[in-house]
Amino acid sequence: MTQVYLGLGANIEPQDSLRAGISELRVTFGHVEISPVYQAPAVGMDGPDFLNLVVGFECAMTHTQLIAWIRATETKHGRIRSPGSNNKPSSHGLDMDLLLFGDSVDEAAKVPRPDILSCAYVLQPLADLAPNLIHPTRAQTMRQLNQSSELGQTLRSTQFSF
């Protein structure tokens, strides 16, 4: 079993999207730890604010299997990834990003996900959920990374129950 952390976010029907994502995770993986939920402005695009959180769970899948499961789950809940979009940011429902897959480091697969170090809406909830977790390439805990970050992004904690 591998300890996995995913970032979840949505700005189209975000409450429904996140609840659907958590439900799918619980059905597939059982116990899922959930961070606080944060509201953050859309970055790099026009659109409503996003709701973001991080989840952690034990996973028996390989990295490749988990990515396929994530994409299938996003698609099942209305996420459309346009092949020619050049990954331009756009408003969307359920979005799941693999942040950490155990201690794996694979730049080509974006593990650990660079957003951990560049996006407050990823780092803050990850630090809340797993403050003593050590980043695989930075040799610092998530708490230390969060406390020393100068990301300057505005987050607002929101009350949200699953």
N, C-alpha and C. Protein backbone atom coordinates (compact mmCIF):
# COMPACT_ATOMS: atom_id res chain seq x y z
N MET A 1 0.85 -1.19 0.00
CA MET A 1 0.00 0.00 0.00
C MET A 1 0.89 1.25 0.00
N THR A 2 0.46 2.22 -0.74
CA THR A 2 1.19 3.48 -0.86
C THR A 2 0.34 4.61 -0.31
N GLN A 3 0.95 5.47 0.49
CA GLN A 3 0.25 6.66 0.97
C GLN A 3 0.20 7.67 -0.17
N VAL A 4 -1.00 8.12 -0.47
CA VAL A 4 -1.23 9.01 -1.60
C VAL A 4 -1.93 10.28 -1.12
N TYR A 5 -1.59 11.39 -1.74
CA TYR A 5 -2.27 12.66 -1.48
C TYR A 5 -2.74 13.22 -2.81
N LEU A 6 -4.01 13.61 -2.84
CA LEU A 6 -4.60 14.24 -4.02
C LEU A 6 -5.11 15.62 -3.67
N GLY A 7 -5.00 16.54 -4.60
CA GLY A 7 -5.66 17.83 -4.49
C GLY A 7 -6.96 17.77 -5.26
N LEU A 8 -8.03 18.26 -4.66
CA LEU A 8 -9.33 18.32 -5.34
C LEU A 8 -9.75 19.77 -5.42
N GLY A 9 -10.34 20.14 -6.53
CA GLY A 9 -10.82 21.50 -6.69
C GLY A 9 -11.95 21.56 -7.70
N ALA A 10 -12.72 22.63 -7.62
CA ALA A 10 -13.82 22.86 -8.57
C ALA A 10 -14.29 24.29 -8.43
N ASN A 11 -14.75 24.86 -9.56
CA ASN A 11 -15.41 26.16 -9.49
C ASN A 11 -16.72 26.17 -10.28
N ILE A 12 -17.13 25.04 -10.81
CA ILE A 12 -18.46 24.86 -11.39
C ILE A 12 -19.18 23.87 -10.48
N GLU A 13 -20.28 24.33 -9.88
CA GLU A 13 -20.99 23.52 -8.89
C GLU A 13 -20.00 22.87 -7.91
N PRO A 14 -19.16 23.70 -7.28
CA PRO A 14 -18.06 23.14 -6.49
C PRO A 14 -18.49 22.25 -5.33
N GLN A 15 -19.57 22.60 -4.63
CA GLN A 15 -19.98 21.75 -3.50
C GLN A 15 -20.36 20.36 -4.00
N ASP A 16 -21.18 20.30 -5.04
CA ASP A 16 -21.59 19.01 -5.59
C ASP A 16 -20.40 18.24 -6.15
N SER A 17 -19.53 18.95 -6.85
CA SER A 17 -18.36 18.30 -7.46
C SER A 17 -17.45 17.68 -6.40
N LEU A 18 -17.16 18.44 -5.34
CA LEU A 18 -16.27 17.93 -4.30
C LEU A 18 -16.91 16.78 -3.53
N ARG A 19 -18.20 16.89 -3.26
CA ARG A 19 -18.89 15.78 -2.57
C ARG A 19 -18.85 14.51 -3.42
N ALA A 20 -19.05 14.66 -4.73
CA ALA A 20 -18.99 13.51 -5.63
C ALA A 20 -17.59 12.89 -5.61
N GLY A 21 -16.58 13.73 -5.63
CA GLY A 21 -15.20 13.23 -5.59
C GLY A 21 -14.89 12.48 -4.31
N ILE A 22 -15.29 13.04 -3.18
CA ILE A 22 -15.05 12.37 -1.89
C ILE A 22 -15.82 11.05 -1.83
N SER A 23 -17.02 11.03 -2.33
CA SER A 23 -17.81 9.80 -2.35
C SER A 23 -17.10 8.72 -3.18
N GLU A 24 -16.62 9.07 -4.35
CA GLU A 24 -15.91 8.12 -5.21
C GLU A 24 -14.65 7.60 -4.51
N LEU A 25 -13.92 8.49 -3.87
CA LEU A 25 -12.70 8.08 -3.16
C LEU A 25 -13.02 7.10 -2.04
N ARG A 26 -14.06 7.38 -1.27
CA ARG A 26 -14.44 6.50 -0.16
C ARG A 26 -14.88 5.13 -0.65
N VAL A 27 -15.65 5.10 -1.74
CA VAL A 27 -16.11 3.82 -2.29
C VAL A 27 -14.91 2.99 -2.76
N THR A 28 -13.95 3.63 -3.40
CA THR A 28 -12.81 2.91 -3.98
C THR A 28 -11.71 2.60 -2.97
N PHE A 29 -11.41 3.53 -2.07
CA PHE A 29 -10.25 3.39 -1.20
C PHE A 29 -10.57 3.22 0.28
N GLY A 30 -11.82 3.37 0.66
CA GLY A 30 -12.19 3.24 2.07
C GLY A 30 -11.95 4.53 2.82
N HIS A 31 -11.18 4.45 3.88
CA HIS A 31 -10.92 5.62 4.72
C HIS A 31 -10.12 6.68 3.96
N VAL A 32 -10.63 7.90 3.97
CA VAL A 32 -9.98 9.02 3.31
C VAL A 32 -9.89 10.16 4.32
N GLU A 33 -8.68 10.66 4.52
CA GLU A 33 -8.48 11.83 5.38
C GLU A 33 -8.73 13.08 4.53
N ILE A 34 -9.41 14.06 5.11
CA ILE A 34 -9.82 15.25 4.36
C ILE A 34 -9.33 16.51 5.08
N SER A 35 -8.68 17.38 4.32
CA SER A 35 -8.23 18.67 4.86
C SER A 35 -9.39 19.63 4.97
N PRO A 36 -9.16 20.77 5.62
CA PRO A 36 -10.14 21.85 5.52
C PRO A 36 -10.29 22.28 4.06
N VAL A 37 -11.42 22.90 3.76
CA VAL A 37 -11.70 23.38 2.41
C VAL A 37 -11.40 24.87 2.36
N TYR A 38 -10.75 25.29 1.27
CA TYR A 38 -10.41 26.69 1.09
C TYR A 38 -11.02 27.24 -0.19
N GLN A 39 -11.44 28.48 -0.11
CA GLN A 39 -11.92 29.20 -1.29
C GLN A 39 -10.78 30.07 -1.78
N ALA A 40 -10.53 30.01 -3.09
CA ALA A 40 -9.43 30.78 -3.67
C ALA A 40 -9.87 31.36 -5.00
N PRO A 41 -9.39 32.56 -5.31
CA PRO A 41 -9.71 33.14 -6.61
C PRO A 41 -9.15 32.28 -7.74
N ALA A 42 -9.83 32.30 -8.87
CA ALA A 42 -9.33 31.61 -10.06
C ALA A 42 -7.99 32.25 -10.44
N VAL A 43 -7.00 31.42 -10.78
CA VAL A 43 -5.67 31.90 -11.12
C VAL A 43 -5.45 31.70 -12.63
N GLY A 44 -5.03 32.77 -13.31
CA GLY A 44 -4.71 32.68 -14.73
C GLY A 44 -5.91 32.62 -15.65
N MET A 45 -7.09 32.98 -15.14
CA MET A 45 -8.30 32.93 -15.95
C MET A 45 -9.39 33.74 -15.28
N ASP A 46 -10.41 34.06 -16.05
CA ASP A 46 -11.60 34.68 -15.48
C ASP A 46 -12.55 33.56 -15.09
N GLY A 47 -13.18 33.71 -13.96
CA GLY A 47 -14.13 32.70 -13.52
C GLY A 47 -14.40 32.82 -12.04
N PRO A 48 -15.40 32.08 -11.57
CA PRO A 48 -15.71 32.13 -10.14
C PRO A 48 -14.59 31.53 -9.31
N ASP A 49 -14.62 31.84 -8.03
CA ASP A 49 -13.64 31.27 -7.10
C ASP A 49 -13.72 29.75 -7.09
N PHE A 50 -12.61 29.13 -6.75
CA PHE A 50 -12.52 27.67 -6.60
C PHE A 50 -12.68 27.28 -5.14
N LEU A 51 -13.17 26.10 -4.90
CA LEU A 51 -13.07 25.44 -3.61
C LEU A 51 -12.02 24.36 -3.78
N ASN A 52 -11.07 24.29 -2.82
CA ASN A 52 -9.96 23.36 -2.90
C ASN A 52 -9.75 22.65 -1.57
N LEU A 53 -9.28 21.42 -1.66
CA LEU A 53 -8.91 20.64 -0.48
C LEU A 53 -7.92 19.58 -0.89
N VAL A 54 -7.38 18.90 0.12
CA VAL A 54 -6.45 17.80 -0.11
C VAL A 54 -6.96 16.59 0.65
N VAL A 55 -6.80 15.42 0.05
CA VAL A 55 -7.16 14.17 0.71
C VAL A 55 -5.94 13.26 0.76
N GLY A 56 -5.92 12.39 1.75
CA GLY A 56 -4.87 11.40 1.87
C GLY A 56 -5.48 10.03 2.12
N PHE A 57 -4.88 8.99 1.54
CA PHE A 57 -5.40 7.63 1.72
C PHE A 57 -4.34 6.63 1.30
N GLU A 58 -4.56 5.39 1.71
CA GLU A 58 -3.69 4.27 1.33
C GLU A 58 -4.21 3.70 0.02
N CYS A 59 -3.30 3.40 -0.90
CA CYS A 59 -3.68 2.97 -2.24
C CYS A 59 -2.89 1.73 -2.65
N ALA A 60 -3.61 0.72 -3.15
CA ALA A 60 -2.95 -0.49 -3.64
C ALA A 60 -2.66 -0.42 -5.14
N MET A 61 -3.14 0.62 -5.80
CA MET A 61 -2.93 0.76 -7.25
C MET A 61 -1.50 1.21 -7.56
N THR A 62 -1.07 0.95 -8.78
CA THR A 62 0.18 1.53 -9.26
C THR A 62 -0.08 2.99 -9.60
N HIS A 63 0.96 3.73 -9.83
CA HIS A 63 0.83 5.13 -10.23
C HIS A 63 -0.02 5.23 -11.50
N THR A 64 0.27 4.43 -12.48
CA THR A 64 -0.46 4.45 -13.75
C THR A 64 -1.94 4.11 -13.56
N GLN A 65 -2.22 3.11 -12.75
CA GLN A 65 -3.61 2.74 -12.48
C GLN A 65 -4.35 3.86 -11.78
N LEU A 66 -3.69 4.51 -10.82
CA LEU A 66 -4.33 5.60 -10.09
C LEU A 66 -4.63 6.78 -11.02
N ILE A 67 -3.71 7.13 -11.88
CA ILE A 67 -3.95 8.23 -12.82
C ILE A 67 -5.14 7.89 -13.72
N ALA A 68 -5.22 6.66 -14.19
CA ALA A 68 -6.35 6.25 -15.04
C ALA A 68 -7.66 6.34 -14.25
N TRP A 69 -7.64 5.92 -12.98
CA TRP A 69 -8.83 6.01 -12.13
C TRP A 69 -9.25 7.47 -11.94
N ILE A 70 -8.27 8.34 -11.68
CA ILE A 70 -8.55 9.77 -11.50
C ILE A 70 -9.22 10.34 -12.74
N ARG A 71 -8.64 10.10 -13.90
CA ARG A 71 -9.19 10.66 -15.15
C ARG A 71 -10.60 10.12 -15.41
N ALA A 72 -10.82 8.82 -15.18
CA ALA A 72 -12.15 8.23 -15.39
C ALA A 72 -13.16 8.84 -14.42
N THR A 73 -12.75 9.08 -13.18
CA THR A 73 -13.64 9.67 -12.18
C THR A 73 -13.98 11.10 -12.54
N GLU A 74 -12.98 11.87 -12.96
CA GLU A 74 -13.25 13.25 -13.39
C GLU A 74 -14.24 13.26 -14.56
N THR A 75 -14.01 12.41 -15.54
CA THR A 75 -14.88 12.34 -16.71
C THR A 75 -16.30 11.93 -16.32
N LYS A 76 -16.40 10.96 -15.43
CA LYS A 76 -17.71 10.49 -14.96
C LYS A 76 -18.51 11.64 -14.35
N HIS A 77 -17.81 12.60 -13.76
CA HIS A 77 -18.47 13.72 -13.09
C HIS A 77 -18.39 15.01 -13.90
N GLY A 78 -18.25 14.87 -15.23
CA GLY A 78 -18.41 16.01 -16.12
C GLY A 78 -17.16 16.78 -16.51
N ARG A 79 -16.00 16.37 -16.07
CA ARG A 79 -14.78 17.10 -16.44
C ARG A 79 -14.45 16.81 -17.89
N ILE A 80 -14.23 17.86 -18.64
CA ILE A 80 -13.86 17.73 -20.04
C ILE A 80 -12.46 18.29 -20.21
N ARG A 81 -11.57 17.46 -20.73
CA ARG A 81 -10.21 17.90 -21.03
C ARG A 81 -10.08 17.94 -22.54
N SER A 82 -9.97 19.14 -23.09
CA SER A 82 -9.87 19.29 -24.53
C SER A 82 -8.45 18.94 -24.98
N PRO A 83 -8.32 18.06 -25.99
CA PRO A 83 -6.99 17.65 -26.44
C PRO A 83 -6.13 18.80 -26.94
N GLY A 84 -6.72 19.79 -27.58
CA GLY A 84 -5.93 20.88 -28.14
C GLY A 84 -5.89 22.12 -27.27
N SER A 85 -6.22 22.00 -26.00
CA SER A 85 -6.36 23.19 -25.15
C SER A 85 -5.03 23.72 -24.62
N ASN A 86 -3.94 23.00 -24.85
CA ASN A 86 -2.63 23.39 -24.31
C ASN A 86 -2.67 23.60 -22.80
N ASN A 87 -3.59 22.89 -22.16
CA ASN A 87 -3.73 22.95 -20.70
C ASN A 87 -3.97 24.36 -20.18
N LYS A 88 -4.64 25.20 -20.97
CA LYS A 88 -4.99 26.54 -20.50
C LYS A 88 -5.97 26.39 -19.35
N PRO A 89 -5.80 27.17 -18.29
CA PRO A 89 -6.75 27.10 -17.18
C PRO A 89 -8.15 27.48 -17.63
N SER A 90 -9.13 26.75 -17.14
CA SER A 90 -10.52 27.07 -17.43
C SER A 90 -11.38 26.62 -16.27
N SER A 91 -12.56 27.20 -16.18
CA SER A 91 -13.49 26.79 -15.13
C SER A 91 -13.84 25.31 -15.33
N HIS A 92 -14.05 24.61 -14.22
CA HIS A 92 -14.38 23.19 -14.33
C HIS A 92 -15.01 22.67 -13.05
N GLY A 93 -15.66 21.52 -13.22
CA GLY A 93 -16.19 20.79 -12.08
C GLY A 93 -15.04 20.01 -11.46
N LEU A 94 -15.31 18.81 -11.03
CA LEU A 94 -14.34 18.01 -10.29
C LEU A 94 -12.99 17.90 -10.99
N ASP A 95 -11.95 18.33 -10.29
CA ASP A 95 -10.57 18.20 -10.75
C ASP A 95 -9.80 17.50 -9.64
N MET A 96 -9.09 16.44 -9.99
CA MET A 96 -8.27 15.71 -9.03
C MET A 96 -6.85 15.68 -9.55
N ASP A 97 -5.91 16.10 -8.73
CA ASP A 97 -4.50 16.10 -9.10
C ASP A 97 -3.72 15.26 -8.11
N LEU A 98 -2.91 14.34 -8.63
CA LEU A 98 -2.04 13.55 -7.78
C LEU A 98 -0.90 14.45 -7.32
N LEU A 99 -0.81 14.64 -6.00
CA LEU A 99 0.23 15.49 -5.43
C LEU A 99 1.46 14.68 -5.04
N LEU A 100 1.21 13.61 -4.30
CA LEU A 100 2.30 12.76 -3.80
C LEU A 100 1.88 11.30 -3.91
N PHE A 101 2.81 10.47 -4.35
CA PHE A 101 2.59 9.03 -4.44
C PHE A 101 3.71 8.38 -3.64
N GLY A 102 3.46 8.21 -2.33
CA GLY A 102 4.52 7.73 -1.44
C GLY A 102 5.69 8.69 -1.49
N ASP A 103 6.89 8.14 -1.56
CA ASP A 103 8.10 8.96 -1.66
C ASP A 103 8.60 9.08 -3.10
N SER A 104 7.76 8.69 -4.05
CA SER A 104 8.17 8.69 -5.46
C SER A 104 8.56 10.07 -5.93
N VAL A 105 9.60 10.09 -6.76
CA VAL A 105 10.03 11.30 -7.43
C VAL A 105 10.16 10.95 -8.91
N ASP A 106 9.33 11.56 -9.74
CA ASP A 106 9.33 11.30 -11.17
C ASP A 106 8.94 12.59 -11.87
N GLU A 107 9.95 13.32 -12.36
CA GLU A 107 9.68 14.62 -12.99
C GLU A 107 8.74 14.51 -14.17
N ALA A 108 8.93 13.49 -14.99
CA ALA A 108 8.09 13.32 -16.19
C ALA A 108 6.63 13.13 -15.80
N ALA A 109 6.38 12.44 -14.69
CA ALA A 109 5.01 12.20 -14.22
C ALA A 109 4.51 13.30 -13.29
N LYS A 110 5.34 14.32 -13.06
CA LYS A 110 5.00 15.43 -12.17
C LYS A 110 4.68 14.94 -10.76
N VAL A 111 5.55 14.07 -10.24
CA VAL A 111 5.42 13.58 -8.87
C VAL A 111 6.75 13.81 -8.18
N PRO A 112 6.80 14.58 -7.10
CA PRO A 112 5.68 15.30 -6.49
C PRO A 112 5.22 16.44 -7.41
N ARG A 113 3.96 16.76 -7.28
CA ARG A 113 3.38 17.80 -8.14
C ARG A 113 3.98 19.16 -7.81
N PRO A 114 4.48 19.88 -8.82
CA PRO A 114 5.10 21.19 -8.57
C PRO A 114 4.16 22.19 -7.89
N ASP A 115 2.84 22.04 -8.07
CA ASP A 115 1.87 22.95 -7.45
C ASP A 115 2.00 23.00 -5.93
N ILE A 116 2.55 21.94 -5.34
CA ILE A 116 2.73 21.94 -3.88
C ILE A 116 3.55 23.16 -3.46
N LEU A 117 4.56 23.48 -4.25
CA LEU A 117 5.47 24.57 -3.89
C LEU A 117 5.08 25.91 -4.50
N SER A 118 4.11 25.92 -5.41
CA SER A 118 3.80 27.18 -6.09
C SER A 118 2.36 27.67 -5.90
N CYS A 119 1.51 26.85 -5.29
CA CYS A 119 0.10 27.23 -5.15
C CYS A 119 -0.35 27.10 -3.70
N ALA A 120 -0.73 28.21 -3.10
CA ALA A 120 -1.19 28.19 -1.71
C ALA A 120 -2.40 27.30 -1.54
N TYR A 121 -3.28 27.24 -2.55
CA TYR A 121 -4.48 26.42 -2.44
C TYR A 121 -4.18 24.92 -2.45
N VAL A 122 -2.93 24.55 -2.71
CA VAL A 122 -2.47 23.16 -2.59
C VAL A 122 -1.66 22.99 -1.30
N LEU A 123 -0.68 23.87 -1.10
CA LEU A 123 0.22 23.74 0.05
C LEU A 123 -0.50 23.91 1.39
N GLN A 124 -1.38 24.90 1.51
CA GLN A 124 -2.06 25.14 2.79
C GLN A 124 -2.88 23.93 3.24
N PRO A 125 -3.78 23.39 2.40
CA PRO A 125 -4.55 22.24 2.87
C PRO A 125 -3.68 20.99 3.08
N LEU A 126 -2.61 20.85 2.30
CA LEU A 126 -1.70 19.71 2.51
C LEU A 126 -0.98 19.85 3.84
N ALA A 127 -0.56 21.06 4.17
CA ALA A 127 0.09 21.30 5.46
C ALA A 127 -0.89 21.11 6.61
N ASP A 128 -2.15 21.45 6.41
CA ASP A 128 -3.17 21.22 7.44
C ASP A 128 -3.37 19.73 7.67
N LEU A 129 -3.43 18.97 6.59
CA LEU A 129 -3.72 17.54 6.66
C LEU A 129 -2.53 16.73 7.15
N ALA A 130 -1.35 17.07 6.66
CA ALA A 130 -0.15 16.27 6.98
C ALA A 130 1.03 17.19 7.30
N PRO A 131 0.95 17.91 8.42
CA PRO A 131 1.97 18.92 8.72
C PRO A 131 3.39 18.36 8.85
N ASN A 132 3.52 17.11 9.29
CA ASN A 132 4.84 16.54 9.51
C ASN A 132 5.34 15.70 8.34
N LEU A 133 4.57 15.64 7.28
CA LEU A 133 4.97 14.91 6.07
C LEU A 133 6.15 15.62 5.43
N ILE A 134 7.16 14.87 5.08
CA ILE A 134 8.36 15.47 4.48
C ILE A 134 8.25 15.42 2.95
N HIS A 135 8.47 16.58 2.34
CA HIS A 135 8.45 16.67 0.88
C HIS A 135 9.61 15.84 0.34
N PRO A 136 9.37 14.98 -0.65
CA PRO A 136 10.41 14.07 -1.12
C PRO A 136 11.65 14.70 -1.73
N THR A 137 11.57 15.94 -2.22
CA THR A 137 12.77 16.56 -2.80
C THR A 137 13.28 17.76 -2.00
N ARG A 138 12.49 18.27 -1.08
CA ARG A 138 12.88 19.47 -0.33
C ARG A 138 13.39 19.18 1.07
N ALA A 139 13.18 17.96 1.55
CA ALA A 139 13.63 17.56 2.89
C ALA A 139 13.13 18.51 3.98
N GLN A 140 11.93 19.03 3.79
CA GLN A 140 11.27 19.87 4.79
C GLN A 140 9.85 19.34 4.94
N THR A 141 9.28 19.59 6.12
CA THR A 141 7.90 19.18 6.33
C THR A 141 6.96 20.13 5.59
N MET A 142 5.74 19.68 5.40
CA MET A 142 4.75 20.54 4.76
C MET A 142 4.51 21.78 5.60
N ARG A 143 4.52 21.62 6.93
CA ARG A 143 4.36 22.78 7.81
C ARG A 143 5.48 23.79 7.57
N GLN A 144 6.73 23.32 7.52
CA GLN A 144 7.86 24.21 7.29
C GLN A 144 7.76 24.90 5.93
N LEU A 145 7.41 24.13 4.91
CA LEU A 145 7.26 24.73 3.58
C LEU A 145 6.17 25.79 3.57
N ASN A 146 5.06 25.50 4.23
CA ASN A 146 3.95 26.45 4.26
C ASN A 146 4.33 27.71 5.05
N GLN A 147 5.00 27.53 6.18
CA GLN A 147 5.38 28.68 7.01
C GLN A 147 6.40 29.57 6.32
N SER A 148 7.25 28.99 5.49
CA SER A 148 8.28 29.79 4.82
C SER A 148 7.87 30.24 3.42
N SER A 149 6.69 29.85 2.98
CA SER A 149 6.27 30.21 1.62
C SER A 149 5.93 31.69 1.54
N GLU A 150 6.15 32.23 0.38
CA GLU A 150 5.81 33.63 0.10
C GLU A 150 4.95 33.66 -1.15
N LEU A 151 3.92 32.83 -1.16
CA LEU A 151 3.10 32.68 -2.37
C LEU A 151 2.16 33.85 -2.58
N GLY A 152 1.78 34.54 -1.53
CA GLY A 152 0.98 35.75 -1.65
C GLY A 152 -0.40 35.53 -2.26
N GLN A 153 -0.93 34.34 -2.14
CA GLN A 153 -2.26 34.06 -2.67
C GLN A 153 -3.27 34.11 -1.53
N THR A 154 -4.44 34.66 -1.82
CA THR A 154 -5.47 34.81 -0.82
C THR A 154 -6.34 33.56 -0.75
N LEU A 155 -6.42 32.97 0.43
CA LEU A 155 -7.28 31.81 0.67
C LEU A 155 -8.25 32.18 1.78
N ARG A 156 -9.44 31.62 1.69
CA ARG A 156 -10.41 31.82 2.75
C ARG A 156 -10.92 30.45 3.17
N SER A 157 -10.74 30.12 4.44
CA SER A 157 -11.24 28.85 4.95
C SER A 157 -12.76 28.87 4.89
N THR A 158 -13.35 27.75 4.47
CA THR A 158 -14.81 27.68 4.38
C THR A 158 -15.33 26.49 5.18
N GLN A 159 -16.50 26.64 5.72
CA GLN A 159 -17.16 25.53 6.43
C GLN A 159 -17.79 24.63 5.39
N PHE A 160 -17.45 23.37 5.45
CA PHE A 160 -17.92 22.43 4.45
C PHE A 160 -17.92 21.05 5.08
N SER A 161 -19.01 20.31 4.92
CA SER A 161 -19.03 18.96 5.49
C SER A 161 -19.34 17.95 4.40
N PHE A 162 -18.76 16.78 4.58
CA PHE A 162 -18.93 15.72 3.59
C PHE A 162 -19.79 14.62 4.16
